[in-house]
Amino acid sequence: MRWSWVGAVALGVALAGCTTGPKAVVTVAAGAPVEQPTGWRATATADDQARIEGLGDRMQRMLSAVPAGARARVAAEMPLLDPKSALDAPALSPGSYQCRLVRIGGRRGVVSYKSDFCYIAVEGGKQSFTKQTGTQLPGGWLFDDDKGKRLIFLGTLRPQQAPSAPPYGQVRQRDVAAVIERIAPFRWRMALVKNDGQGDQMLDIYELIPVVNGSS
């Protein structure tokens, strides 16, 4: 009985010690709200977002790599090929445009092609861009950008013989993104950032000039 009484006293003391100390308070800190992407970032793939943000550096690298014999052609294409030539008010008016492709890269350094035709339309309050002639026919939507000096194009490349193309984001191989900037009065550039497997070997830039009074 003695050992039972001593054990009971010890147990009582232990329990009393457990109940008389300060109670632990568990709190859960609220996490910071996750900012959801808006505008073109809500639509663009992660890869295209990175290419769009890195376009200026990519242009500079490619221009630095142009052979010495092509430097005169680069100078003749300014400000089209100047990464820092973007002006305010990049908005495009609806209508027809001459679209001339200038390609940076390759053995020739800079190559200019004959002009094709593109069209800017307004559909449901949104602007669309469609290249109407030529072998490569990008088409899609234009988005305002918070940086103020550019528009973002997200669309797909339609082969010349195909009647239509899937929407952006459905077929990665067809996706194409671009940055549109105003570089002079009534003159814009549209730099495609599509990764066609050539890395920094090629960069396609379209010069956009409005068609006035049926000029061609």
N, C-alpha and C. Protein backbone atom coordinates (compact mmCIF):
# COMPACT_ATOMS: atom_id res chain seq x y z
N MET A 1 0.82 -1.20 0.00
CA MET A 1 0.00 0.00 0.00
C MET A 1 0.86 1.25 0.00
N ARG A 2 2.03 1.17 0.72
CA ARG A 2 2.89 2.35 0.74
C ARG A 2 3.34 2.76 -0.65
N TRP A 3 3.81 1.77 -1.44
CA TRP A 3 4.29 2.10 -2.78
C TRP A 3 3.16 2.63 -3.66
N SER A 4 1.95 2.11 -3.46
CA SER A 4 0.81 2.59 -4.26
C SER A 4 0.50 4.04 -3.90
N TRP A 5 0.60 4.37 -2.57
CA TRP A 5 0.30 5.74 -2.15
C TRP A 5 1.34 6.73 -2.66
N VAL A 6 2.61 6.33 -2.56
CA VAL A 6 3.69 7.18 -3.08
C VAL A 6 3.55 7.40 -4.56
N GLY A 7 3.21 6.31 -5.29
CA GLY A 7 3.03 6.44 -6.74
C GLY A 7 1.89 7.37 -7.07
N ALA A 8 0.82 7.29 -6.30
CA ALA A 8 -0.32 8.16 -6.56
C ALA A 8 0.03 9.62 -6.34
N VAL A 9 0.78 9.88 -5.23
CA VAL A 9 1.20 11.26 -4.96
C VAL A 9 2.08 11.80 -6.08
N ALA A 10 3.04 10.97 -6.52
CA ALA A 10 3.95 11.41 -7.60
C ALA A 10 3.17 11.71 -8.87
N LEU A 11 2.21 10.85 -9.19
CA LEU A 11 1.41 11.06 -10.40
C LEU A 11 0.61 12.34 -10.30
N GLY A 12 0.06 12.61 -9.09
CA GLY A 12 -0.71 13.83 -8.90
C GLY A 12 0.13 15.07 -9.10
N VAL A 13 1.35 15.03 -8.55
CA VAL A 13 2.26 16.17 -8.72
C VAL A 13 2.59 16.40 -10.19
N ALA A 14 2.85 15.29 -10.90
CA ALA A 14 3.18 15.40 -12.33
C ALA A 14 2.03 16.01 -13.11
N LEU A 15 0.82 15.55 -12.84
CA LEU A 15 -0.35 16.08 -13.55
C LEU A 15 -0.56 17.55 -13.23
N ALA A 16 -0.36 17.89 -11.94
CA ALA A 16 -0.52 19.29 -11.56
C ALA A 16 0.47 20.17 -12.31
N GLY A 17 1.70 19.65 -12.47
CA GLY A 17 2.70 20.42 -13.21
C GLY A 17 2.31 20.64 -14.65
N CYS A 18 1.61 19.66 -15.20
CA CYS A 18 1.21 19.78 -16.61
C CYS A 18 0.09 20.78 -16.79
N THR A 19 -0.72 20.97 -15.83
CA THR A 19 -1.91 21.80 -15.99
C THR A 19 -1.73 23.22 -15.51
N THR A 20 -0.67 23.48 -14.75
CA THR A 20 -0.51 24.83 -14.19
C THR A 20 0.41 25.71 -15.02
N GLY A 21 1.15 25.15 -16.00
CA GLY A 21 2.05 25.97 -16.82
C GLY A 21 1.28 26.76 -17.86
N PRO A 22 1.95 27.72 -18.54
CA PRO A 22 1.27 28.51 -19.57
C PRO A 22 0.86 27.65 -20.75
N LYS A 23 -0.31 27.92 -21.27
CA LYS A 23 -0.81 27.14 -22.41
C LYS A 23 -0.18 27.63 -23.71
N ALA A 24 0.19 26.68 -24.56
CA ALA A 24 0.76 27.04 -25.86
C ALA A 24 -0.34 27.57 -26.78
N VAL A 25 -0.06 28.64 -27.46
CA VAL A 25 -1.01 29.23 -28.40
C VAL A 25 -0.47 29.02 -29.81
N VAL A 26 -1.25 28.36 -30.64
CA VAL A 26 -0.84 28.07 -32.02
C VAL A 26 -1.50 29.08 -32.94
N THR A 27 -0.70 29.78 -33.71
CA THR A 27 -1.24 30.74 -34.66
C THR A 27 -0.77 30.37 -36.06
N VAL A 28 -1.57 30.69 -37.05
CA VAL A 28 -1.23 30.44 -38.45
C VAL A 28 -1.13 31.78 -39.15
N ALA A 29 0.07 32.11 -39.64
CA ALA A 29 0.27 33.38 -40.32
C ALA A 29 -0.36 33.33 -41.70
N ALA A 30 -1.05 34.41 -42.05
CA ALA A 30 -1.67 34.47 -43.37
C ALA A 30 -0.58 34.68 -44.42
N GLY A 31 -0.62 33.86 -45.47
CA GLY A 31 0.36 34.00 -46.53
C GLY A 31 0.09 35.22 -47.40
N ALA A 32 1.12 35.71 -48.06
CA ALA A 32 0.95 36.85 -48.95
C ALA A 32 0.06 36.44 -50.13
N PRO A 33 -0.85 37.30 -50.55
CA PRO A 33 -1.72 36.94 -51.68
C PRO A 33 -0.91 36.73 -52.95
N VAL A 34 -1.29 35.74 -53.72
CA VAL A 34 -0.61 35.44 -54.97
C VAL A 34 -1.18 36.32 -56.06
N GLU A 35 -0.32 37.11 -56.69
CA GLU A 35 -0.77 38.02 -57.74
C GLU A 35 -1.01 37.23 -59.02
N GLN A 36 -2.21 37.34 -59.55
CA GLN A 36 -2.57 36.63 -60.77
C GLN A 36 -2.17 37.47 -61.99
N PRO A 37 -1.63 36.84 -63.02
CA PRO A 37 -1.26 37.59 -64.23
C PRO A 37 -2.49 38.17 -64.91
N THR A 38 -2.31 39.31 -65.53
CA THR A 38 -3.39 39.96 -66.27
C THR A 38 -2.89 40.33 -67.66
N GLY A 39 -3.80 40.79 -68.52
CA GLY A 39 -3.41 41.22 -69.85
C GLY A 39 -2.77 40.10 -70.65
N TRP A 40 -1.75 40.44 -71.42
CA TRP A 40 -1.12 39.45 -72.29
C TRP A 40 -0.42 38.36 -71.49
N ARG A 41 0.02 38.69 -70.28
CA ARG A 41 0.71 37.69 -69.46
C ARG A 41 -0.23 36.56 -69.02
N ALA A 42 -1.53 36.84 -68.98
CA ALA A 42 -2.49 35.80 -68.63
C ALA A 42 -2.70 34.82 -69.76
N THR A 43 -2.28 35.17 -70.98
CA THR A 43 -2.47 34.32 -72.15
C THR A 43 -1.16 33.70 -72.63
N ALA A 44 -0.07 34.46 -72.58
CA ALA A 44 1.21 34.00 -73.12
C ALA A 44 1.78 32.84 -72.32
N THR A 45 2.44 31.92 -73.03
CA THR A 45 3.13 30.84 -72.35
C THR A 45 4.34 31.39 -71.60
N ALA A 46 4.84 30.64 -70.64
CA ALA A 46 6.00 31.08 -69.87
C ALA A 46 7.21 31.30 -70.78
N ASP A 47 7.39 30.42 -71.77
CA ASP A 47 8.51 30.57 -72.70
C ASP A 47 8.40 31.87 -73.49
N ASP A 48 7.20 32.16 -74.00
CA ASP A 48 7.03 33.39 -74.79
C ASP A 48 7.18 34.63 -73.91
N GLN A 49 6.73 34.57 -72.68
CA GLN A 49 6.93 35.71 -71.78
C GLN A 49 8.41 36.01 -71.61
N ALA A 50 9.21 34.96 -71.43
CA ALA A 50 10.66 35.16 -71.27
C ALA A 50 11.28 35.72 -72.54
N ARG A 51 10.84 35.23 -73.70
CA ARG A 51 11.41 35.72 -74.97
C ARG A 51 11.02 37.17 -75.22
N ILE A 52 9.79 37.53 -74.87
CA ILE A 52 9.35 38.90 -75.05
C ILE A 52 10.19 39.84 -74.18
N GLU A 53 10.38 39.50 -72.94
CA GLU A 53 11.15 40.36 -72.04
C GLU A 53 12.63 40.42 -72.42
N GLY A 54 13.13 39.39 -73.07
CA GLY A 54 14.53 39.36 -73.46
C GLY A 54 14.82 39.81 -74.87
N LEU A 55 13.80 40.35 -75.56
CA LEU A 55 13.96 40.69 -76.98
C LEU A 55 15.04 41.74 -77.21
N GLY A 56 15.06 42.79 -76.39
CA GLY A 56 16.04 43.86 -76.60
C GLY A 56 17.47 43.34 -76.54
N ASP A 57 17.77 42.52 -75.56
CA ASP A 57 19.11 41.95 -75.44
C ASP A 57 19.42 41.04 -76.61
N ARG A 58 18.41 40.28 -77.05
CA ARG A 58 18.63 39.38 -78.19
C ARG A 58 18.95 40.16 -79.46
N MET A 59 18.21 41.24 -79.72
CA MET A 59 18.49 42.07 -80.89
C MET A 59 19.90 42.62 -80.84
N GLN A 60 20.31 43.09 -79.67
CA GLN A 60 21.65 43.67 -79.55
C GLN A 60 22.72 42.64 -79.81
N ARG A 61 22.55 41.42 -79.28
CA ARG A 61 23.53 40.35 -79.51
C ARG A 61 23.64 40.02 -80.99
N MET A 62 22.50 39.94 -81.66
CA MET A 62 22.52 39.55 -83.06
C MET A 62 23.11 40.63 -83.94
N LEU A 63 22.82 41.89 -83.63
CA LEU A 63 23.41 42.98 -84.41
C LEU A 63 24.91 43.03 -84.21
N SER A 64 25.37 42.73 -83.00
CA SER A 64 26.82 42.72 -82.74
C SER A 64 27.53 41.62 -83.52
N ALA A 65 26.78 40.56 -83.86
CA ALA A 65 27.37 39.43 -84.56
C ALA A 65 27.29 39.55 -86.08
N VAL A 66 26.67 40.62 -86.59
CA VAL A 66 26.55 40.80 -88.04
C VAL A 66 27.93 40.98 -88.66
N PRO A 67 28.23 40.29 -89.76
CA PRO A 67 29.55 40.44 -90.40
C PRO A 67 29.84 41.88 -90.80
N ALA A 68 31.11 42.22 -90.83
CA ALA A 68 31.50 43.59 -91.15
C ALA A 68 30.97 44.03 -92.51
N GLY A 69 30.89 43.10 -93.45
CA GLY A 69 30.41 43.45 -94.79
C GLY A 69 28.94 43.82 -94.83
N ALA A 70 28.19 43.54 -93.76
CA ALA A 70 26.76 43.84 -93.74
C ALA A 70 26.45 45.07 -92.90
N ARG A 71 27.47 45.73 -92.38
CA ARG A 71 27.22 46.88 -91.50
C ARG A 71 26.49 48.01 -92.23
N ALA A 72 26.78 48.19 -93.50
CA ALA A 72 26.11 49.25 -94.26
C ALA A 72 24.62 48.96 -94.40
N ARG A 73 24.26 47.67 -94.56
CA ARG A 73 22.84 47.31 -94.66
C ARG A 73 22.13 47.53 -93.32
N VAL A 74 22.84 47.27 -92.23
CA VAL A 74 22.26 47.54 -90.91
C VAL A 74 21.99 49.04 -90.75
N ALA A 75 22.97 49.87 -91.12
CA ALA A 75 22.80 51.32 -91.00
C ALA A 75 21.65 51.82 -91.86
N ALA A 76 21.46 51.21 -93.04
CA ALA A 76 20.40 51.64 -93.94
C ALA A 76 19.01 51.30 -93.39
N GLU A 77 18.95 50.35 -92.47
CA GLU A 77 17.67 49.92 -91.91
C GLU A 77 17.33 50.61 -90.58
N MET A 78 18.14 51.56 -90.16
CA MET A 78 17.83 52.28 -88.93
C MET A 78 16.69 53.28 -89.18
N PRO A 79 15.80 53.49 -88.22
CA PRO A 79 15.81 52.99 -86.84
C PRO A 79 15.12 51.63 -86.66
N LEU A 80 14.78 50.97 -87.75
CA LEU A 80 14.06 49.71 -87.65
C LEU A 80 14.81 48.69 -86.81
N LEU A 81 16.14 48.65 -86.93
CA LEU A 81 16.94 47.65 -86.23
C LEU A 81 17.60 48.16 -84.95
N ASP A 82 17.22 49.34 -84.51
CA ASP A 82 17.77 49.88 -83.27
C ASP A 82 16.92 49.41 -82.10
N PRO A 83 17.47 48.61 -81.19
CA PRO A 83 16.67 48.11 -80.06
C PRO A 83 16.10 49.20 -79.18
N LYS A 84 16.68 50.41 -79.23
CA LYS A 84 16.26 51.50 -78.35
C LYS A 84 15.43 52.57 -79.05
N SER A 85 14.91 52.26 -80.22
CA SER A 85 14.23 53.29 -81.01
C SER A 85 12.74 53.41 -80.74
N ALA A 86 12.19 52.63 -79.80
CA ALA A 86 10.75 52.64 -79.56
C ALA A 86 10.29 54.01 -79.05
N LEU A 87 9.15 54.46 -79.58
CA LEU A 87 8.56 55.74 -79.20
C LEU A 87 7.26 55.50 -78.42
N ASP A 88 6.76 56.57 -77.82
CA ASP A 88 5.47 56.49 -77.14
C ASP A 88 4.35 56.31 -78.17
N ALA A 89 3.15 56.03 -77.66
CA ALA A 89 1.94 55.89 -78.48
C ALA A 89 2.11 54.82 -79.56
N PRO A 90 2.23 53.55 -79.16
CA PRO A 90 2.46 52.49 -80.15
C PRO A 90 1.20 52.00 -80.86
N ALA A 91 0.01 52.54 -80.53
CA ALA A 91 -1.24 52.00 -81.06
C ALA A 91 -1.27 52.07 -82.58
N LEU A 92 -1.85 51.05 -83.18
CA LEU A 92 -2.02 50.96 -84.63
C LEU A 92 -3.47 51.25 -84.98
N SER A 93 -3.67 52.05 -86.02
CA SER A 93 -5.03 52.31 -86.50
C SER A 93 -5.51 51.14 -87.35
N PRO A 94 -6.80 50.83 -87.32
CA PRO A 94 -7.32 49.76 -88.18
C PRO A 94 -7.09 50.09 -89.67
N GLY A 95 -6.83 49.04 -90.44
CA GLY A 95 -6.63 49.23 -91.87
C GLY A 95 -5.54 48.34 -92.42
N SER A 96 -5.16 48.63 -93.67
CA SER A 96 -4.18 47.81 -94.39
C SER A 96 -2.78 48.41 -94.22
N TYR A 97 -1.79 47.53 -94.14
CA TYR A 97 -0.40 47.93 -93.96
C TYR A 97 0.50 47.16 -94.93
N GLN A 98 1.55 47.83 -95.37
CA GLN A 98 2.63 47.12 -96.05
C GLN A 98 3.52 46.50 -94.98
N CYS A 99 3.83 45.22 -95.15
CA CYS A 99 4.65 44.49 -94.18
C CYS A 99 5.90 43.98 -94.89
N ARG A 100 7.03 44.60 -94.58
CA ARG A 100 8.30 44.19 -95.20
C ARG A 100 9.13 43.44 -94.17
N LEU A 101 9.54 42.25 -94.54
CA LEU A 101 10.34 41.42 -93.63
C LEU A 101 11.82 41.74 -93.77
N VAL A 102 12.47 42.00 -92.63
CA VAL A 102 13.92 42.14 -92.56
C VAL A 102 14.41 41.06 -91.61
N ARG A 103 15.32 40.22 -92.08
CA ARG A 103 15.81 39.09 -91.28
C ARG A 103 17.26 39.33 -90.89
N ILE A 104 17.53 39.23 -89.60
CA ILE A 104 18.89 39.37 -89.09
C ILE A 104 19.44 37.97 -88.84
N GLY A 105 20.68 37.74 -89.29
CA GLY A 105 21.31 36.45 -89.06
C GLY A 105 21.74 35.79 -90.36
N GLY A 106 22.36 34.65 -90.23
CA GLY A 106 22.83 33.93 -91.41
C GLY A 106 24.12 34.51 -91.97
N ARG A 107 24.55 33.94 -93.07
CA ARG A 107 25.82 34.37 -93.65
C ARG A 107 25.78 35.80 -94.18
N ARG A 108 24.61 36.26 -94.63
CA ARG A 108 24.50 37.60 -95.19
C ARG A 108 24.30 38.66 -94.11
N GLY A 109 23.99 38.27 -92.92
CA GLY A 109 23.86 39.22 -91.82
C GLY A 109 22.51 39.88 -91.75
N VAL A 110 22.10 40.56 -92.82
CA VAL A 110 20.81 41.25 -92.90
C VAL A 110 20.24 41.06 -94.30
N VAL A 111 18.99 40.61 -94.36
CA VAL A 111 18.33 40.42 -95.65
C VAL A 111 16.96 41.08 -95.60
N SER A 112 16.63 41.86 -96.63
CA SER A 112 15.33 42.49 -96.75
C SER A 112 14.54 41.83 -97.87
N TYR A 113 13.27 41.56 -97.62
CA TYR A 113 12.40 40.91 -98.61
C TYR A 113 11.36 41.91 -99.11
N LYS A 114 10.70 41.55 -100.19
CA LYS A 114 9.67 42.44 -100.75
C LYS A 114 8.49 42.54 -99.79
N SER A 115 7.77 43.62 -99.91
CA SER A 115 6.66 43.87 -98.99
C SER A 115 5.46 42.97 -99.30
N ASP A 116 4.78 42.55 -98.25
CA ASP A 116 3.49 41.89 -98.35
C ASP A 116 2.45 42.81 -97.73
N PHE A 117 1.23 42.28 -97.57
CA PHE A 117 0.17 43.08 -96.98
C PHE A 117 -0.34 42.44 -95.69
N CYS A 118 -0.60 43.30 -94.71
CA CYS A 118 -1.17 42.89 -93.43
C CYS A 118 -2.40 43.75 -93.16
N TYR A 119 -3.20 43.30 -92.21
CA TYR A 119 -4.43 44.05 -91.92
C TYR A 119 -4.68 44.08 -90.41
N ILE A 120 -5.02 45.27 -89.92
CA ILE A 120 -5.42 45.46 -88.52
C ILE A 120 -6.93 45.67 -88.49
N ALA A 121 -7.62 44.83 -87.73
CA ALA A 121 -9.07 44.94 -87.61
C ALA A 121 -9.46 45.06 -86.15
N VAL A 122 -10.67 45.53 -85.89
CA VAL A 122 -11.22 45.59 -84.54
C VAL A 122 -12.42 44.66 -84.49
N GLU A 123 -12.37 43.69 -83.59
CA GLU A 123 -13.43 42.71 -83.44
C GLU A 123 -13.79 42.58 -81.97
N GLY A 124 -15.03 42.93 -81.64
CA GLY A 124 -15.47 42.83 -80.26
C GLY A 124 -14.65 43.66 -79.30
N GLY A 125 -14.19 44.83 -79.73
CA GLY A 125 -13.40 45.70 -78.89
C GLY A 125 -11.93 45.31 -78.80
N LYS A 126 -11.51 44.28 -79.50
CA LYS A 126 -10.11 43.84 -79.51
C LYS A 126 -9.52 44.02 -80.91
N GLN A 127 -8.22 44.29 -80.96
CA GLN A 127 -7.54 44.43 -82.24
C GLN A 127 -6.93 43.11 -82.66
N SER A 128 -7.12 42.78 -83.94
CA SER A 128 -6.50 41.58 -84.51
C SER A 128 -5.51 41.99 -85.58
N PHE A 129 -4.51 41.13 -85.77
CA PHE A 129 -3.49 41.33 -86.80
C PHE A 129 -3.49 40.10 -87.70
N THR A 130 -3.53 40.33 -89.02
CA THR A 130 -3.50 39.23 -89.98
C THR A 130 -2.55 39.58 -91.12
N LYS A 131 -1.59 38.72 -91.38
CA LYS A 131 -0.76 38.88 -92.57
C LYS A 131 -1.49 38.18 -93.72
N GLN A 132 -1.76 38.93 -94.77
CA GLN A 132 -2.65 38.45 -95.83
C GLN A 132 -1.92 37.81 -97.00
N THR A 133 -0.71 38.21 -97.27
CA THR A 133 0.03 37.66 -98.42
C THR A 133 1.41 37.20 -97.98
N GLY A 134 2.02 36.33 -98.80
CA GLY A 134 3.33 35.81 -98.48
C GLY A 134 3.26 34.34 -98.10
N THR A 135 4.40 33.76 -97.75
CA THR A 135 4.45 32.34 -97.41
C THR A 135 4.23 32.09 -95.93
N GLN A 136 4.64 33.01 -95.08
CA GLN A 136 4.39 32.92 -93.64
C GLN A 136 3.25 33.88 -93.30
N LEU A 137 2.19 33.36 -92.65
CA LEU A 137 1.00 34.17 -92.42
C LEU A 137 0.62 34.17 -90.94
N PRO A 138 1.29 34.97 -90.12
CA PRO A 138 0.89 35.06 -88.71
C PRO A 138 -0.44 35.79 -88.57
N GLY A 139 -1.25 35.34 -87.64
CA GLY A 139 -2.51 35.99 -87.35
C GLY A 139 -2.85 35.80 -85.88
N GLY A 140 -3.43 36.82 -85.27
CA GLY A 140 -3.78 36.70 -83.86
C GLY A 140 -4.25 38.02 -83.30
N TRP A 141 -4.04 38.22 -82.00
CA TRP A 141 -4.58 39.37 -81.28
C TRP A 141 -3.47 40.26 -80.74
N LEU A 142 -3.81 41.56 -80.61
CA LEU A 142 -2.89 42.54 -80.05
C LEU A 142 -3.33 42.88 -78.63
N PHE A 143 -2.34 43.03 -77.75
CA PHE A 143 -2.60 43.34 -76.35
C PHE A 143 -1.83 44.59 -75.95
N ASP A 144 -2.47 45.47 -75.17
CA ASP A 144 -1.75 46.60 -74.59
C ASP A 144 -0.74 46.07 -73.56
N ASP A 145 0.30 46.85 -73.35
CA ASP A 145 1.34 46.45 -72.40
C ASP A 145 1.54 47.56 -71.38
N ASP A 146 1.85 47.17 -70.14
CA ASP A 146 1.98 48.16 -69.09
C ASP A 146 3.25 49.01 -69.22
N LYS A 147 4.15 48.67 -70.13
CA LYS A 147 5.36 49.48 -70.29
C LYS A 147 5.12 50.71 -71.15
N GLY A 148 3.99 50.75 -71.85
CA GLY A 148 3.58 51.96 -72.53
C GLY A 148 4.17 52.22 -73.90
N LYS A 149 5.24 51.53 -74.29
CA LYS A 149 5.87 51.79 -75.57
C LYS A 149 5.77 50.60 -76.52
N ARG A 150 4.91 49.64 -76.22
CA ARG A 150 4.83 48.48 -77.08
C ARG A 150 3.45 47.83 -76.98
N LEU A 151 3.12 47.08 -78.03
CA LEU A 151 1.99 46.17 -78.04
C LEU A 151 2.55 44.76 -78.10
N ILE A 152 1.77 43.81 -77.61
CA ILE A 152 2.18 42.42 -77.67
C ILE A 152 1.23 41.66 -78.59
N PHE A 153 1.81 40.92 -79.52
CA PHE A 153 1.03 40.09 -80.43
C PHE A 153 1.17 38.63 -80.01
N LEU A 154 0.03 37.96 -79.89
CA LEU A 154 -0.01 36.52 -79.61
C LEU A 154 -0.91 35.87 -80.65
N GLY A 155 -0.33 34.97 -81.42
CA GLY A 155 -1.11 34.33 -82.48
C GLY A 155 -0.47 33.03 -82.94
N THR A 156 -0.78 32.67 -84.16
CA THR A 156 -0.25 31.43 -84.74
C THR A 156 0.17 31.67 -86.17
N LEU A 157 1.04 30.81 -86.66
CA LEU A 157 1.47 30.86 -88.06
C LEU A 157 0.60 29.91 -88.88
N ARG A 158 -0.03 30.47 -89.91
CA ARG A 158 -0.86 29.65 -90.79
C ARG A 158 -0.11 29.39 -92.09
N PRO A 159 0.09 28.12 -92.46
CA PRO A 159 0.71 27.84 -93.75
C PRO A 159 -0.12 28.42 -94.89
N GLN A 160 0.53 28.75 -95.98
CA GLN A 160 -0.14 29.44 -97.09
C GLN A 160 -1.33 28.64 -97.62
N GLN A 161 -1.23 27.32 -97.65
CA GLN A 161 -2.29 26.51 -98.22
C GLN A 161 -3.39 26.16 -97.23
N ALA A 162 -3.21 26.46 -95.97
CA ALA A 162 -4.20 26.09 -94.95
C ALA A 162 -5.28 27.16 -94.84
N PRO A 163 -6.57 26.75 -94.70
CA PRO A 163 -7.66 27.74 -94.60
C PRO A 163 -7.71 28.44 -93.26
N SER A 164 -7.17 27.83 -92.21
CA SER A 164 -7.21 28.44 -90.89
C SER A 164 -6.08 27.87 -90.04
N ALA A 165 -5.94 28.42 -88.83
CA ALA A 165 -4.92 27.95 -87.89
C ALA A 165 -5.57 27.85 -86.52
N PRO A 166 -5.06 26.98 -85.65
CA PRO A 166 -5.63 26.86 -84.31
C PRO A 166 -5.33 28.11 -83.49
N PRO A 167 -6.12 28.38 -82.44
CA PRO A 167 -5.85 29.53 -81.58
C PRO A 167 -4.50 29.39 -80.88
N TYR A 168 -3.96 30.53 -80.47
CA TYR A 168 -2.71 30.54 -79.72
C TYR A 168 -2.82 29.66 -78.48
N GLY A 169 -1.77 28.87 -78.25
CA GLY A 169 -1.71 28.05 -77.06
C GLY A 169 -2.16 26.62 -77.24
N GLN A 170 -2.79 26.29 -78.38
CA GLN A 170 -3.27 24.93 -78.58
C GLN A 170 -2.23 24.03 -79.22
N VAL A 171 -1.46 24.56 -80.17
CA VAL A 171 -0.41 23.80 -80.85
C VAL A 171 0.88 24.60 -80.73
N ARG A 172 1.78 24.16 -79.86
CA ARG A 172 2.98 24.94 -79.56
C ARG A 172 3.80 25.23 -80.81
N GLN A 173 3.84 24.29 -81.75
CA GLN A 173 4.65 24.48 -82.95
C GLN A 173 4.13 25.62 -83.83
N ARG A 174 2.84 25.95 -83.70
CA ARG A 174 2.25 27.02 -84.50
C ARG A 174 2.27 28.37 -83.78
N ASP A 175 2.49 28.36 -82.48
CA ASP A 175 2.43 29.61 -81.71
C ASP A 175 3.50 30.60 -82.18
N VAL A 176 3.13 31.86 -82.18
CA VAL A 176 4.09 32.91 -82.47
C VAL A 176 3.73 34.14 -81.63
N ALA A 177 4.73 34.75 -81.07
CA ALA A 177 4.55 35.97 -80.29
C ALA A 177 5.46 37.05 -80.86
N ALA A 178 5.08 38.30 -80.64
CA ALA A 178 5.88 39.40 -81.19
C ALA A 178 5.69 40.64 -80.35
N VAL A 179 6.65 41.54 -80.48
CA VAL A 179 6.59 42.86 -79.86
C VAL A 179 6.44 43.90 -80.97
N ILE A 180 5.43 44.76 -80.84
CA ILE A 180 5.18 45.81 -81.83
C ILE A 180 5.50 47.15 -81.19
N GLU A 181 6.34 47.95 -81.88
CA GLU A 181 6.74 49.26 -81.38
C GLU A 181 6.67 50.29 -82.49
N ARG A 182 6.31 51.51 -82.14
CA ARG A 182 6.35 52.60 -83.12
C ARG A 182 7.76 53.17 -83.12
N ILE A 183 8.36 53.29 -84.30
CA ILE A 183 9.75 53.72 -84.38
C ILE A 183 9.92 55.05 -85.10
N ALA A 184 8.85 55.55 -85.73
CA ALA A 184 8.88 56.82 -86.45
C ALA A 184 7.43 57.16 -86.78
N PRO A 185 7.15 58.40 -87.22
CA PRO A 185 5.78 58.71 -87.63
C PRO A 185 5.30 57.75 -88.72
N PHE A 186 4.17 57.11 -88.49
CA PHE A 186 3.55 56.18 -89.44
C PHE A 186 4.48 55.02 -89.81
N ARG A 187 5.27 54.58 -88.84
CA ARG A 187 6.18 53.46 -89.09
C ARG A 187 6.32 52.65 -87.80
N TRP A 188 6.09 51.36 -87.90
CA TRP A 188 6.18 50.46 -86.76
C TRP A 188 7.09 49.28 -87.10
N ARG A 189 7.53 48.58 -86.08
CA ARG A 189 8.21 47.32 -86.30
C ARG A 189 7.51 46.24 -85.47
N MET A 190 7.54 45.05 -86.01
CA MET A 190 6.95 43.89 -85.35
C MET A 190 8.03 42.81 -85.30
N ALA A 191 8.62 42.62 -84.14
CA ALA A 191 9.73 41.68 -83.98
C ALA A 191 9.20 40.37 -83.43
N LEU A 192 9.32 39.31 -84.22
CA LEU A 192 8.83 38.00 -83.82
C LEU A 192 9.82 37.34 -82.86
N VAL A 193 9.29 36.75 -81.80
CA VAL A 193 10.16 36.10 -80.82
C VAL A 193 10.01 34.58 -80.87
N LYS A 194 9.34 34.06 -81.90
CA LYS A 194 9.11 32.62 -82.01
C LYS A 194 10.43 31.87 -81.98
N ASN A 195 10.48 30.81 -81.19
CA ASN A 195 11.66 29.95 -81.13
C ASN A 195 11.49 28.84 -82.16
N ASP A 196 12.15 28.96 -83.29
CA ASP A 196 12.01 27.98 -84.36
C ASP A 196 13.15 26.97 -84.37
N GLY A 197 13.86 26.87 -83.24
CA GLY A 197 14.95 25.92 -83.16
C GLY A 197 16.29 26.49 -83.60
N GLN A 198 16.28 27.74 -84.07
CA GLN A 198 17.52 28.33 -84.54
C GLN A 198 18.19 29.21 -83.48
N GLY A 199 17.54 29.34 -82.32
CA GLY A 199 18.14 30.12 -81.25
C GLY A 199 18.39 31.55 -81.70
N ASP A 200 19.60 32.03 -81.51
CA ASP A 200 19.95 33.38 -81.91
C ASP A 200 20.49 33.45 -83.34
N GLN A 201 20.22 32.45 -84.13
CA GLN A 201 20.74 32.45 -85.49
C GLN A 201 19.93 33.34 -86.42
N MET A 202 18.63 33.50 -86.16
CA MET A 202 17.76 34.30 -87.01
C MET A 202 16.81 35.12 -86.15
N LEU A 203 16.46 36.30 -86.63
CA LEU A 203 15.45 37.12 -85.99
C LEU A 203 14.68 37.84 -87.09
N ASP A 204 13.36 37.63 -87.12
CA ASP A 204 12.51 38.23 -88.14
C ASP A 204 11.84 39.48 -87.59
N ILE A 205 11.97 40.58 -88.35
CA ILE A 205 11.37 41.86 -87.97
C ILE A 205 10.58 42.38 -89.17
N TYR A 206 9.30 42.68 -88.95
CA TYR A 206 8.48 43.27 -90.00
C TYR A 206 8.42 44.78 -89.82
N GLU A 207 8.59 45.50 -90.91
CA GLU A 207 8.34 46.93 -90.94
C GLU A 207 6.89 47.12 -91.37
N LEU A 208 6.11 47.86 -90.57
CA LEU A 208 4.70 48.09 -90.86
C LEU A 208 4.49 49.56 -91.24
N ILE A 209 3.96 49.80 -92.43
CA ILE A 209 3.67 51.15 -92.90
C ILE A 209 2.25 51.17 -93.43
N PRO A 210 1.40 52.11 -92.98
CA PRO A 210 0.01 52.14 -93.44
C PRO A 210 -0.10 52.33 -94.95
N VAL A 211 -1.06 51.67 -95.54
CA VAL A 211 -1.37 51.86 -96.96
C VAL A 211 -2.32 53.05 -97.06
N VAL A 212 -1.91 54.08 -97.80
CA VAL A 212 -2.68 55.32 -97.90
C VAL A 212 -3.18 55.48 -99.32
N ASN A 213 -4.48 55.74 -99.47
CA ASN A 213 -5.10 56.02 -100.77
C ASN A 213 -4.80 54.93 -101.80
N GLY A 214 -4.84 53.68 -101.35
CA GLY A 214 -4.66 52.56 -102.28
C GLY A 214 -3.24 52.38 -102.76
N SER A 215 -2.25 53.00 -102.07
CA SER A 215 -0.85 52.83 -102.48
C SER A 215 -0.41 51.41 -102.27
N SER A 216 0.57 50.96 -103.02
CA SER A 216 1.06 49.58 -102.91
C SER A 216 2.57 49.57 -103.02
